[in-house]
Protein backbone atom coordinates (compact mmCIF):
# COMPACT_ATOMS: atom_id res chain seq x y z
CA MET A 1 91.86 82.79 233.19
CA LYS A 2 88.75 80.68 232.52
CA ARG A 3 88.53 82.06 229.01
CA LEU A 4 92.15 81.08 228.28
CA LEU A 5 91.56 77.57 229.64
CA ALA A 6 88.41 77.17 227.54
CA ARG A 7 90.21 78.33 224.39
CA SER A 8 93.10 75.96 225.09
CA ILE A 9 90.75 73.00 225.51
CA VAL A 10 88.90 73.86 222.30
CA GLY A 11 92.22 74.26 220.46
CA VAL A 12 93.49 70.88 221.63
CA ALA A 13 90.18 69.22 220.71
CA ILE A 14 90.31 70.71 217.20
CA PHE A 15 93.94 69.62 216.79
CA VAL A 16 93.19 66.02 217.85
CA ALA A 17 90.08 65.87 215.64
CA SER A 18 92.01 67.13 212.61
CA LEU A 19 94.84 64.68 213.31
CA TYR A 20 92.35 61.80 213.51
CA ALA A 21 90.62 62.91 210.29
CA GLY A 22 93.94 63.21 208.46
CA ASP A 23 94.97 59.77 209.68
CA TYR A 24 91.68 58.32 208.47
CA LEU A 25 91.91 60.02 205.07
CA SER A 26 95.48 58.83 204.56
CA LEU A 27 94.27 55.27 205.11
CA LYS A 28 91.20 55.67 202.94
CA LEU A 29 93.15 57.26 200.08
CA GLN A 30 96.27 55.12 200.73
CA ILE A 31 98.67 58.07 200.97
CA PRO A 32 101.54 57.20 200.72
CA ARG A 33 101.11 53.95 198.83
CA ARG A 34 101.56 51.31 201.48
CA ALA A 35 99.66 48.44 202.97
CA GLN A 36 96.75 49.59 205.12
CA PHE A 37 96.54 46.46 207.24
CA GLY A 38 99.08 44.16 208.81
CA THR A 39 99.31 41.30 211.27
CA VAL A 40 101.36 40.79 214.41
CA HIS A 41 102.02 37.48 216.20
CA VAL A 42 100.46 37.68 219.66
CA GLN A 43 101.04 35.18 222.48
CA PRO A 44 97.82 34.72 224.48
CA TYR A 45 97.89 33.07 227.88
CA LEU A 46 95.21 32.08 230.36
CA ALA A 47 95.32 33.27 233.96
CA VAL A 48 93.44 30.62 235.94
CA PRO A 49 92.81 31.35 239.64
CA ARG A 50 93.37 28.38 241.92
CA LYS A 51 91.59 27.55 245.16
CA ASP A 52 94.66 28.36 247.23
CA GLY A 53 94.57 31.99 246.01
CA LYS A 54 97.44 31.69 243.54
CA THR A 55 97.15 32.11 239.79
CA GLU A 56 98.21 29.50 237.28
CA PHE A 57 99.29 30.65 233.82
CA MET A 58 98.71 28.47 230.76
CA LEU A 59 100.27 29.46 227.42
CA GLN A 60 98.13 29.18 224.30
CA ASP A 61 99.22 28.87 220.68
CA PRO A 62 100.38 32.14 219.10
CA VAL A 63 97.78 33.85 216.90
CA ASP A 64 97.95 36.57 214.26
CA GLN A 65 96.33 39.81 215.40
CA PRO A 66 95.10 42.01 212.54
CA CYS A 67 96.09 45.66 212.84
CA VAL A 68 96.06 48.87 210.84
CA HIS A 69 99.12 50.98 209.99
CA SER A 70 98.06 54.30 211.49
CA LEU A 71 98.28 56.42 214.64
CA PHE A 72 94.71 55.71 215.79
CA PRO A 73 92.48 52.62 215.62
CA HIS A 74 90.39 52.50 212.43
CA PHE A 75 88.02 50.00 210.81
CA GLY A 76 87.69 48.07 214.08
CA ASP A 77 91.39 47.18 214.30
CA PRO A 78 94.00 48.54 216.72
CA PRO A 79 97.09 50.33 215.38
CA CYS A 80 100.07 48.08 214.61
CA TRP A 81 102.46 50.13 216.77
CA TYR A 82 100.27 49.39 219.80
CA VAL A 83 99.88 45.68 219.07
CA GLN A 84 103.64 45.27 218.58
CA ARG A 85 104.28 46.72 222.04
CA HIS A 86 101.65 44.47 223.63
CA ARG A 87 102.43 41.06 222.14
CA SER A 88 101.30 39.09 225.19
CA ARG A 89 97.59 38.97 225.82
CA ARG A 90 96.36 37.89 229.25
CA ILE A 91 92.95 36.22 229.38
CA ASN A 92 91.49 36.13 232.88
CA LEU A 93 89.20 33.24 233.71
């Protein structure tokens, strides 16, 4: 039983590593020919705690968040599919 579990964990780790490497190579080699990077409009807002225990929210100006068109984050940028699903960014003060 332990041997099967160990083999399964190693198999999953190899699969994820190969998927990450393939994702990276497709960006590096630009396969298929498409833009590597993109931008998404993100709405940041400040969450300011008040003395009475409540939180006040203050909207900021929208900003463009750079992202990469891939499954995983690469080159220091998050993937565009993730940024598009999280367009509001809360900043706690």
